[in-house]
């Protein structure tokens, strides 16, 4: 029998996988890949090949017989007679999952410590969601869960080699915006102990190596390997990527149908769709050659400003941990690498005419004129000059600051990471960006608009949403790739963190 521990469902079930997904057994492609087999997969495949040619074979009945369908989290009724803050402090218990029982035949990568899931169809932990969740856990005084989440991600780094998109086998081929170093920093600040950096130094380094894989084998400007791109002799910047170039298993039907609509090579389309998922912004006109056409997705051709800011933060924190453990040569090397990255961000992503940071197109050797909230990341990390920050904030205030908070882009394409949607993590990035450059007035106004919208929708629906329409406040939530999910870990986290700040003003 084959070793199934890290194999994704399409490799385990092959023709059965295609039959289930393409025949619409479940309305959501993610359901089947989260199913738990009742027998060893080899046995299931034996029964499948034996029964498929029989007259009247029913694929749906077959799946019901041999698989356990996962439950979708339902909205939990929160206690009456309490403020929303008080309710959300308690709601962490509803979103917490206990350490996983090992099941080698499930797509779930079992974690040894408790963790938080977003809710709804999202039944697993997600990488960048967890940082913003931790901000709320800090406000709730739940250092125990913050510690558990950091330890779970350290476990994934040590077992898988990196932190995947989520703890599923079908997510292993990609990651998400690399916030693990910021999680370690948050935990160290809460502990008041620099030994936290020492404790996770090896995992920080392994995570960095994952993102920088292939740097040594690139020696000519314009060359790229996986997530690393050499732009000139001093500049290595990074892009989003996925090691696979097949339809996403959790969105199989959607990807196949999209491929059927274009003459583009399927592997190129699928790789770019997957890379957009690694960005967390799936999907946005930011990644599209034609802003209203998902088939023109070109994620791997772009140098995203936010990713490179996050990697500069990873380098900064890894320099600190290296110094603490006495690896001074590594700290010196990373200091040079980080300075080169910062110089390159300014050289390739800063647009003086518009006064904003933009993504850079590797093939066309020009900036993409797609303004988005990614421009705030250099301010969030305190990397922008005072003059740059002043110009960026002016642009954001004029073009992206709406009645309910910050809108993700200036384009309404129908994609969920575009106008008119606002997302909790980007509200926090903007909130801290404003504070970092002396605009407490804007930070307070953003805090009021966003939390008021959260409260309004909660009063109407009893739900905290994954995303919100920040332009038309008469609507309860924003649209997107799939039905709006409630729960919702990062919305709860950012709400609690902002409310905690507001109480101190």
Protein backbone atom coordinates (compact mmCIF):
# COMPACT_ATOMS: atom_id res chain seq x y z
CA UNK A 1 0.00 0.00 0.00
CA UNK A 2 1.23 3.52 -0.81
CA UNK A 3 2.23 6.08 1.86
CA UNK A 4 -0.69 8.48 1.94
CA UNK A 5 0.36 10.83 4.72
CA UNK A 6 1.13 13.89 2.56
CA UNK A 7 -0.54 12.91 -0.71
CA UNK A 8 -3.41 15.21 -1.76
CA UNK A 9 -6.81 13.68 -2.59
CA UNK A 10 -6.44 13.90 -6.38
CA UNK A 11 -3.32 11.70 -6.25
CA UNK A 12 -4.95 9.22 -3.89
CA UNK A 13 -8.31 8.85 -5.63
CA UNK A 14 -7.38 9.73 -9.25
CA UNK A 15 -10.37 8.79 -11.48
CA UNK A 16 -12.71 8.73 -8.48
CA UNK A 17 -11.64 12.27 -7.61
CA UNK A 18 -12.42 13.50 -11.13
CA UNK A 19 -15.75 11.65 -11.18
CA UNK A 20 -16.89 13.17 -7.88
CA UNK A 21 -15.81 16.72 -8.66
CA UNK A 22 -16.93 16.90 -12.30
CA UNK A 23 -20.30 15.29 -11.66
CA UNK A 24 -21.27 17.83 -9.02
CA UNK A 25 -21.72 15.41 -6.15
CA UNK A 26 -21.19 18.40 -3.85
CA UNK A 27 -21.99 22.03 -4.74
CA UNK A 28 -18.68 23.09 -3.18
CA UNK A 29 -15.52 21.41 -4.52
CA UNK A 30 -13.92 21.77 -1.09
CA UNK A 31 -16.36 19.33 0.50
CA UNK A 32 -15.00 16.16 -1.10
CA UNK A 33 -11.35 16.94 -0.41
CA UNK A 34 -12.29 17.39 3.25
CA UNK A 35 -14.23 14.11 3.39
CA UNK A 36 -12.88 11.37 5.64
CA UNK A 37 -12.73 7.87 4.10
CA UNK A 38 -14.43 5.11 6.07
CA UNK A 39 -11.99 2.52 4.69
CA UNK A 40 -8.41 2.51 3.50
CA UNK A 41 -8.23 4.43 0.19
CA UNK A 42 -6.81 1.38 -1.61
CA UNK A 43 -9.92 -0.56 -0.67
CA UNK A 44 -12.18 2.28 -1.75
CA UNK A 45 -10.46 2.41 -5.15
CA UNK A 46 -10.83 -1.34 -5.49
CA UNK A 47 -14.59 -1.05 -4.89
CA UNK A 48 -14.81 1.94 -7.24
CA UNK A 49 -13.21 0.13 -10.20
CA UNK A 50 -15.35 -2.93 -9.49
CA UNK A 51 -18.63 -1.00 -9.38
CA UNK A 52 -18.20 1.84 -11.89
CA UNK A 53 -19.06 -0.29 -14.93
CA UNK A 54 -22.18 -1.75 -13.36
CA UNK A 55 -25.52 -0.57 -14.71
CA UNK A 56 -27.07 2.15 -12.62
CA UNK A 57 -23.86 3.08 -10.83
CA UNK A 58 -24.58 6.13 -8.64
CA UNK A 59 -21.47 8.16 -7.83
CA UNK A 60 -23.23 10.16 -5.10
CA UNK A 61 -24.46 6.99 -3.36
CA UNK A 62 -20.94 5.55 -3.63
CA UNK A 63 -19.43 8.58 -1.91
CA UNK A 64 -22.06 8.47 0.84
CA UNK A 65 -21.27 4.80 1.44
CA UNK A 66 -17.49 5.09 1.58
CA UNK A 67 -16.88 8.61 2.92
CA UNK A 68 -17.87 10.67 5.93
CA UNK A 69 -18.96 14.14 4.82
CA UNK A 70 -17.44 16.96 6.88
CA UNK A 71 -19.68 19.24 8.88
CA UNK A 72 -19.80 22.93 8.07
CA UNK A 73 -19.68 25.17 11.11
CA UNK A 74 -23.01 26.77 11.78
CA UNK A 75 -23.42 30.19 13.36
CA UNK A 76 -23.17 29.86 17.13
CA UNK A 77 -25.68 31.80 19.21
CA UNK A 78 -23.69 34.13 21.43
CA UNK A 79 -24.84 35.12 24.94
CA UNK A 80 -27.60 37.71 25.17
CA UNK A 81 -27.32 40.84 27.26
CA UNK A 82 -23.62 41.41 26.55
CA UNK A 83 -21.69 43.79 24.35
CA UNK A 84 -20.28 42.51 21.08
CA UNK A 85 -16.83 42.67 22.61
CA UNK A 86 -17.89 40.46 25.49
CA UNK A 87 -19.53 38.03 23.10
CA UNK A 88 -16.44 37.76 20.92
CA UNK A 89 -14.18 37.13 23.89
CA UNK A 90 -16.32 34.03 24.51
CA UNK A 91 -16.65 33.16 20.83
CA UNK A 92 -13.03 31.99 20.66
CA UNK A 93 -14.22 28.82 22.35
CA UNK A 94 -16.58 28.12 19.43
CA UNK A 95 -13.79 28.57 16.87
CA UNK A 96 -11.20 26.56 18.81
CA UNK A 97 -10.33 23.04 17.71
CA UNK A 98 -8.69 20.52 20.00
CA UNK A 99 -5.42 18.81 19.06
CA UNK A 100 -6.12 16.51 16.12
CA UNK A 101 -6.34 12.76 16.39
CA UNK A 102 -3.99 11.21 13.82
CA UNK A 103 -5.82 9.98 10.72
CA UNK A 104 -3.44 9.08 7.87
CA UNK A 105 -6.33 8.88 5.40
CA UNK A 106 -7.69 12.38 6.00
CA UNK A 107 -6.48 15.43 4.08
CA UNK A 108 -6.10 17.20 7.41
CA UNK A 109 -2.53 17.67 8.64
CA UNK A 110 -2.99 16.96 12.30
CA UNK A 111 -1.75 19.60 14.74
CA UNK A 112 -0.56 18.80 18.27
CA UNK A 113 -2.01 21.88 19.99
CA UNK A 114 -5.38 23.69 20.03
CA UNK A 115 -5.99 26.13 17.19
CA UNK A 116 -8.53 28.59 15.79
CA UNK A 117 -10.40 28.06 12.51
CA UNK A 118 -12.07 30.88 10.58
CA UNK A 119 -15.50 29.21 10.53
CA UNK A 120 -18.00 28.19 7.85
CA UNK A 121 -16.42 26.12 5.05
CA UNK A 122 -12.98 26.84 6.48
CA UNK A 123 -12.47 23.89 8.83
CA UNK A 124 -8.69 24.21 9.25
CA UNK A 125 -6.16 26.76 10.42
CA UNK A 126 -4.96 29.32 7.86
CA UNK A 127 -1.54 30.90 7.87
CA UNK A 128 -1.96 34.67 7.58
CA UNK A 129 -5.44 34.66 9.13
CA UNK A 130 -3.83 33.49 12.34
CA UNK A 131 -1.74 36.61 12.90
CA UNK A 132 -4.80 38.84 12.89
CA UNK A 133 -6.64 36.31 15.02
CA UNK A 134 -3.79 36.53 17.52
CA UNK A 135 -4.25 40.29 17.81
CA UNK A 136 -7.74 39.61 19.14
CA UNK A 137 -6.57 36.75 21.33
CA UNK A 138 -4.12 39.20 22.90
CA UNK A 139 -7.00 41.58 23.65
CA UNK A 140 -8.90 38.65 25.15
CA UNK A 141 -5.96 37.67 27.35
CA UNK A 142 -5.63 34.28 25.63
CA UNK A 143 -1.87 33.90 25.60
CA UNK A 144 -2.41 30.16 25.88
CA UNK A 145 -3.94 30.03 22.40
CA UNK A 146 -1.32 32.40 20.97
CA UNK A 147 1.38 30.06 22.25
CA UNK A 148 -0.46 27.05 20.82
CA UNK A 149 -0.78 28.62 17.37
CA UNK A 150 2.92 29.53 17.24
CA UNK A 151 3.82 26.00 18.35
CA UNK A 152 1.52 24.49 15.71
CA UNK A 153 3.19 26.51 12.98
CA UNK A 154 6.63 25.55 14.29
CA UNK A 155 5.45 21.93 14.12
CA UNK A 156 4.37 22.37 10.48
CA UNK A 157 7.73 23.92 9.59
CA UNK A 158 9.52 20.96 11.16
CA UNK A 159 7.30 18.32 9.53
CA UNK A 160 6.32 19.79 6.15
CA UNK A 161 9.27 22.15 5.69
CA UNK A 162 7.25 25.35 5.69
CA UNK A 163 3.90 26.73 6.79
CA UNK A 164 1.37 25.80 4.11
CA UNK A 165 -1.70 27.81 3.11
CA UNK A 166 -3.63 25.74 5.67
CA UNK A 167 -3.21 22.41 7.43
CA UNK A 168 -4.44 20.28 4.53
CA UNK A 169 -2.44 18.03 2.23
CA UNK A 170 -3.82 19.87 -0.80
CA UNK A 171 -2.37 23.15 0.54
CA UNK A 172 1.23 21.92 0.97
CA UNK A 173 2.39 23.16 -2.44
CA UNK A 174 1.92 26.80 -1.45
CA UNK A 175 2.12 29.05 1.57
CA UNK A 176 0.47 32.39 2.40
CA UNK A 177 1.77 35.87 3.31
CA UNK A 178 4.62 35.03 5.73
CA UNK A 179 3.50 36.39 9.09
CA UNK A 180 5.15 33.71 11.28
CA UNK A 181 8.01 36.03 12.34
CA UNK A 182 5.47 38.66 13.40
CA UNK A 183 3.69 35.98 15.44
CA UNK A 184 6.94 35.12 17.21
CA UNK A 185 7.56 38.83 17.82
CA UNK A 186 4.05 39.24 19.25
CA UNK A 187 4.57 36.29 21.60
CA UNK A 188 7.98 37.63 22.68
CA UNK A 189 6.46 41.01 23.47
CA UNK A 190 3.70 39.39 25.53
CA UNK A 191 6.21 37.20 27.38
CA UNK A 192 8.64 40.09 27.84
CA UNK A 193 11.39 37.58 27.16
CA UNK A 194 13.90 37.65 24.27
CA UNK A 195 14.41 33.91 24.77
CA UNK A 196 11.27 33.43 22.65
CA UNK A 197 13.35 34.41 19.61
CA UNK A 198 15.95 31.84 20.58
CA UNK A 199 13.27 29.18 21.04
CA UNK A 200 11.98 29.58 17.48
CA UNK A 201 15.21 30.60 15.73
CA UNK A 202 15.58 27.38 13.73
CA UNK A 203 11.95 27.53 12.56
CA UNK A 204 12.32 31.18 11.57
CA UNK A 205 15.36 30.25 9.51
CA UNK A 206 13.66 27.24 7.88
CA UNK A 207 10.67 29.38 6.93
CA UNK A 208 13.01 31.96 5.40
CA UNK A 209 14.87 29.27 3.43
CA UNK A 210 11.53 28.11 1.98
CA UNK A 211 10.80 31.59 0.63
CA UNK A 212 14.36 32.08 -0.65
CA UNK A 213 14.83 28.64 -2.23
CA UNK A 214 16.79 28.90 -5.46
CA UNK A 215 18.48 32.25 -4.78
CA UNK A 216 21.94 30.71 -5.15
CA UNK A 217 21.16 29.17 -8.54
CA UNK A 218 20.09 32.46 -10.15
CA UNK A 219 22.99 34.49 -11.54
CA UNK A 220 21.53 36.70 -14.28
CA UNK A 221 19.12 39.65 -14.01
CA UNK A 222 15.63 38.69 -15.12
CA UNK A 223 16.03 35.06 -14.08
CA UNK A 224 13.64 33.56 -11.56
CA UNK A 225 13.21 30.34 -9.66
CA UNK A 226 10.10 29.55 -7.66
CA UNK A 227 9.53 32.54 -5.37
CA UNK A 228 12.82 34.37 -6.04
CA UNK A 229 13.49 36.84 -8.86
CA UNK A 230 16.81 38.53 -9.69
CA UNK A 231 16.08 42.01 -11.02
CA UNK A 232 19.64 43.35 -11.16
CA UNK A 233 23.01 42.34 -9.78
CA UNK A 234 22.15 43.65 -6.29
CA UNK A 235 18.44 42.91 -6.16
CA UNK A 236 16.66 39.70 -5.31
CA UNK A 237 12.96 40.30 -4.78
CA UNK A 238 10.19 37.80 -4.30
CA UNK A 239 6.92 36.76 -5.89
CA UNK A 240 4.06 34.43 -5.05
CA UNK A 241 4.20 30.90 -6.45
CA UNK A 242 2.77 27.40 -6.16
CA UNK A 243 4.76 24.22 -6.73
CA UNK A 244 1.80 22.66 -8.58
CA UNK A 245 0.27 23.66 -11.93
CA UNK A 246 -3.00 21.70 -11.80
CA UNK A 247 -6.55 22.80 -10.89
CA UNK A 248 -6.92 23.66 -7.21
CA UNK A 249 -8.50 20.66 -5.56
CA UNK A 250 -10.73 22.76 -3.31
CA UNK A 251 -11.95 24.75 -6.35
CA UNK A 252 -11.59 22.04 -8.98
CA UNK A 253 -14.75 22.63 -10.99
CA UNK A 254 -14.25 26.40 -11.08
CA UNK A 255 -10.68 26.07 -12.36
CA UNK A 256 -11.53 23.46 -14.99
CA UNK A 257 -14.45 25.52 -16.26
CA UNK A 258 -12.27 28.64 -16.43
CA UNK A 259 -9.63 26.73 -18.39
CA UNK A 260 -12.27 25.51 -20.83
CA UNK A 261 -13.07 29.15 -21.65
CA UNK A 262 -9.56 30.06 -22.84
CA UNK A 263 -6.95 28.86 -25.32
CA UNK A 264 -4.22 29.58 -22.77
CA UNK A 265 -2.05 26.65 -21.69
CA UNK A 266 -3.86 25.13 -18.69
CA UNK A 267 -0.71 24.66 -16.62
CA UNK A 268 0.12 28.37 -16.85
CA UNK A 269 -3.43 29.36 -15.91
CA UNK A 270 -3.54 26.98 -12.95
CA UNK A 271 -0.10 28.00 -11.63
CA UNK A 272 -1.11 31.66 -11.67
CA UNK A 273 -4.44 30.98 -9.99
CA UNK A 274 -2.67 29.00 -7.28
CA UNK A 275 -0.04 31.71 -6.82
CA UNK A 276 -2.82 34.24 -6.31
CA UNK A 277 -4.10 31.98 -3.55
CA UNK A 278 -0.67 32.08 -1.91
CA UNK A 279 -1.02 35.86 -1.84
CA UNK A 280 -4.21 35.55 0.20
CA UNK A 281 -5.83 37.99 -2.25
CA UNK A 282 -7.75 35.40 -4.24
CA UNK A 283 -8.83 36.99 -6.41
CA UNK A 284 -8.15 40.61 -7.33
CA UNK A 285 -7.73 42.75 -10.43
CA UNK A 286 -4.28 43.35 -8.97
CA UNK A 287 -3.19 39.99 -10.42
CA UNK A 288 -4.96 40.29 -13.78
CA UNK A 289 -3.62 41.59 -17.09
CA UNK A 290 -7.19 42.56 -18.00
CA UNK A 291 -8.74 43.78 -14.73
CA UNK A 292 -12.15 42.26 -15.46
CA UNK A 293 -10.95 38.88 -16.81
CA UNK A 294 -9.78 36.18 -14.40
CA UNK A 295 -8.44 34.15 -17.34
CA UNK A 296 -5.71 36.78 -17.72
CA UNK A 297 -4.30 36.08 -14.26
CA UNK A 298 -0.52 36.71 -14.21
CA UNK A 299 0.45 36.51 -10.53
CA UNK A 300 3.88 34.93 -11.04
CA UNK A 301 4.94 37.79 -13.34
CA UNK A 302 4.54 40.33 -10.54
CA UNK A 303 6.75 41.50 -7.68
CA UNK A 304 4.23 42.33 -4.93
CA UNK A 305 5.23 45.18 -2.66
CA UNK A 306 3.48 43.70 0.39
CA UNK A 307 5.22 40.31 0.10
CA UNK A 308 8.62 41.95 -0.05
CA UNK A 309 7.83 44.13 2.95
CA UNK A 310 6.85 40.99 4.85
CA UNK A 311 10.11 39.30 3.86
CA UNK A 312 12.06 42.36 4.99
CA UNK A 313 10.28 41.96 8.33
CA UNK A 314 11.22 38.28 8.35
CA UNK A 315 14.84 39.27 7.75
CA UNK A 316 14.71 41.91 10.50
CA UNK A 317 13.36 39.45 13.06
CA UNK A 318 15.72 36.68 11.92
CA UNK A 319 18.65 39.09 12.35
CA UNK A 320 17.50 39.65 15.92
CA UNK A 321 17.14 35.93 16.68
CA UNK A 322 20.55 35.25 15.04
CA UNK A 323 22.23 37.81 17.27
CA UNK A 324 20.55 36.35 20.35
CA UNK A 325 21.80 32.81 19.58
CA UNK A 326 25.26 34.06 18.60
CA UNK A 327 25.09 33.43 14.84
CA UNK A 328 26.74 36.73 14.02
CA UNK A 329 27.84 35.81 10.49
CA UNK A 330 24.25 34.95 9.57
CA UNK A 331 23.05 38.21 11.12
CA UNK A 332 25.60 40.19 9.08
CA UNK A 333 24.67 38.42 5.84
CA UNK A 334 20.95 39.00 6.46
CA UNK A 335 21.59 42.66 7.25
CA UNK A 336 23.14 43.14 3.80
CA UNK A 337 20.39 41.11 2.14
CA UNK A 338 17.68 43.11 3.86
CA UNK A 339 19.23 46.44 2.90
CA UNK A 340 19.40 45.31 -0.72
CA UNK A 341 15.73 44.31 -0.54
CA UNK A 342 14.70 47.68 0.92
CA UNK A 343 16.67 49.54 -1.74
CA UNK A 344 15.04 47.39 -4.44
CA UNK A 345 11.53 47.97 -3.09
CA UNK A 346 12.11 51.69 -3.47
CA UNK A 347 13.78 51.31 -6.86
CA UNK A 348 11.18 49.07 -8.44
CA UNK A 349 7.94 49.66 -6.52
CA UNK A 350 7.92 53.36 -5.59
CA UNK A 351 6.12 55.60 -8.09
CA UNK A 352 7.14 59.19 -7.52
CA UNK A 353 4.59 60.65 -9.95
CA UNK A 354 1.61 59.11 -8.17
CA UNK A 355 3.25 59.10 -4.75
CA UNK A 356 2.42 55.43 -4.05
CA UNK A 357 3.96 51.96 -3.98
CA UNK A 358 2.96 49.65 -6.86
CA UNK A 359 3.70 46.06 -7.85
CA UNK A 360 6.41 45.57 -10.49
CA UNK A 361 5.93 43.48 -13.65
CA UNK A 362 9.02 41.34 -14.24
CA UNK A 363 8.41 40.58 -17.91
CA UNK A 364 7.34 44.08 -18.97
CA UNK A 365 9.91 45.75 -16.66
CA UNK A 366 7.41 48.34 -15.51
CA UNK A 367 5.10 49.02 -12.61
CA UNK A 368 1.51 47.81 -12.69
CA UNK A 369 -0.83 50.78 -12.48
CA UNK A 370 -3.19 49.00 -10.08
CA UNK A 371 -3.35 50.99 -6.84
CA UNK A 372 -4.27 48.82 -3.86
CA UNK A 373 -3.95 48.76 -0.09
CA UNK A 374 -0.66 46.88 -0.57
CA UNK A 375 0.83 50.38 -0.77
CA UNK A 376 0.32 50.70 3.00
CA UNK A 377 2.59 47.80 3.94
CA UNK A 378 5.81 49.87 3.80
CA UNK A 379 4.16 52.30 6.22
CA UNK A 380 2.92 49.48 8.46
CA UNK A 381 6.50 48.20 8.72
CA UNK A 382 7.90 51.75 9.17
CA UNK A 383 9.98 51.46 6.00
CA UNK A 384 8.66 54.51 4.14
CA UNK A 385 10.21 57.94 4.42
CA UNK A 386 8.13 60.71 5.96
CA UNK A 387 7.64 62.22 2.50
CA UNK A 388 6.61 58.89 0.98
CA UNK A 389 4.19 58.23 3.83
CA UNK A 390 2.60 61.64 3.46
CA UNK A 391 1.95 61.03 -0.23
CA UNK A 392 0.65 57.46 0.26
CA UNK A 393 -1.72 58.51 3.02
CA UNK A 394 -3.00 61.39 0.90
CA UNK A 395 -3.76 58.96 -1.95
CA UNK A 396 -5.44 56.47 0.36
CA UNK A 397 -7.53 59.14 2.04
CA UNK A 398 -8.72 60.43 -1.33
CA UNK A 399 -9.25 57.15 -3.20
CA UNK A 400 -9.56 54.20 -0.81
CA UNK A 401 -11.10 55.56 2.41
CA UNK A 402 -14.83 54.87 2.27
CA UNK A 403 -17.86 55.10 4.55
CA UNK A 404 -17.21 51.71 6.15
CA UNK A 405 -13.41 51.66 6.12
CA UNK A 406 -10.68 50.99 3.56
CA UNK A 407 -11.63 49.50 0.21
CA UNK A 408 -9.07 47.06 -1.18
CA UNK A 409 -8.57 48.52 -4.68
CA UNK A 410 -9.98 51.26 -6.87
CA UNK A 411 -11.47 48.74 -9.34
CA UNK A 412 -14.87 47.04 -9.09
CA UNK A 413 -14.19 43.84 -11.03
CA UNK A 414 -16.52 41.44 -9.25
CA UNK A 415 -13.54 39.75 -7.57
CA UNK A 416 -13.71 39.63 -3.79
CA UNK A 417 -10.38 41.40 -3.18
CA UNK A 418 -11.52 44.47 -5.11
CA UNK A 419 -13.87 47.36 -4.56
CA UNK A 420 -16.35 47.58 -2.88
CA UNK A 421 -15.04 45.04 -0.36
CA UNK A 422 -13.12 45.74 2.80
CA UNK A 423 -11.22 43.05 4.70
CA UNK A 424 -10.22 43.02 8.36
CA UNK A 425 -6.47 42.35 7.90
CA UNK A 426 -6.05 45.31 5.58
CA UNK A 427 -7.97 47.57 7.96
CA UNK A 428 -5.38 46.70 10.61
CA UNK A 429 -2.48 47.33 8.22
CA UNK A 430 -3.95 50.74 7.42
CA UNK A 431 -4.74 51.48 11.05
CA UNK A 432 -1.14 50.83 12.14
CA UNK A 433 0.24 52.62 9.07
CA UNK A 434 -1.63 55.79 10.03
CA UNK A 435 -0.44 55.56 13.64
CA UNK A 436 3.18 54.99 12.59
CA UNK A 437 3.29 58.30 10.72
CA UNK A 438 1.46 60.54 13.16
CA UNK A 439 -2.03 60.37 11.69
CA UNK A 440 -3.91 59.42 14.86
CA UNK A 441 -6.90 61.31 13.49
CA UNK A 442 -7.18 59.00 10.49
CA UNK A 443 -6.52 55.90 12.60
CA UNK A 444 -9.34 56.86 14.95
CA UNK A 445 -11.71 57.62 12.08
CA UNK A 446 -10.91 54.28 10.45
CA UNK A 447 -11.41 52.52 13.78
CA UNK A 448 -14.83 54.12 14.19
CA UNK A 449 -16.01 53.42 10.64
CA UNK A 450 -14.88 49.78 10.59
CA UNK A 451 -16.09 48.75 14.04
CA UNK A 452 -19.41 50.55 13.49
CA UNK A 453 -19.91 48.57 10.29
CA UNK A 454 -19.07 45.31 12.10
CA UNK A 455 -21.58 46.18 14.81
CA UNK A 456 -24.29 47.20 12.35
CA UNK A 457 -24.07 43.97 10.36
CA UNK A 458 -23.90 41.91 13.55
CA UNK A 459 -27.05 43.60 14.87
CA UNK A 460 -28.84 42.76 11.61
CA UNK A 461 -27.55 39.20 11.11
CA UNK A 462 -26.04 37.91 14.35
CA UNK A 463 -22.82 37.23 12.39
CA UNK A 464 -19.28 38.51 12.06
CA UNK A 465 -18.46 38.33 8.37
CA UNK A 466 -15.36 37.35 6.43
CA UNK A 467 -15.52 40.64 4.48
CA UNK A 468 -17.78 43.69 4.19
CA UNK A 469 -19.03 46.11 1.58
CA UNK A 470 -17.44 49.34 2.81
CA UNK A 471 -18.94 51.49 0.04
CA UNK A 472 -22.67 50.69 0.26
CA UNK A 473 -23.44 50.28 3.95
CA UNK A 474 -26.97 49.11 3.20
CA UNK A 475 -25.51 45.75 2.15
CA UNK A 476 -24.70 43.20 4.83
CA UNK A 477 -21.54 41.77 3.27
CA UNK A 478 -19.33 41.80 0.21
CA UNK A 479 -19.53 39.36 -2.70
CA UNK A 480 -16.83 36.97 -3.80
CA UNK A 481 -15.62 33.65 -5.13
CA UNK A 482 -17.85 31.63 -2.80
CA UNK A 483 -20.83 32.36 -0.48
CA UNK A 484 -20.01 34.82 2.28
CA UNK A 485 -18.66 33.02 5.34
CA UNK A 486 -19.34 33.95 8.92
CA UNK A 487 -17.32 33.16 12.01
CA UNK A 488 -14.89 34.82 11.49
CA UNK A 489 -11.46 34.60 13.03
CA UNK A 490 -9.60 37.60 11.62
CA UNK A 491 -12.64 39.87 11.68
CA UNK A 492 -13.12 39.08 15.36
CA UNK A 493 -9.42 39.54 16.05
CA UNK A 494 -9.11 42.93 14.39
CA UNK A 495 -12.37 44.17 15.92
CA UNK A 496 -11.21 43.27 19.43
CA UNK A 497 -7.73 44.73 18.90
CA UNK A 498 -9.11 48.02 17.59
CA UNK A 499 -11.75 48.30 20.32
CA UNK A 500 -9.05 47.66 22.91
CA UNK A 501 -7.02 50.52 21.45
CA UNK A 502 -10.06 52.84 21.35
CA UNK A 503 -10.77 52.29 25.04
CA UNK A 504 -7.31 53.60 25.86
CA UNK A 505 -7.72 56.85 23.94
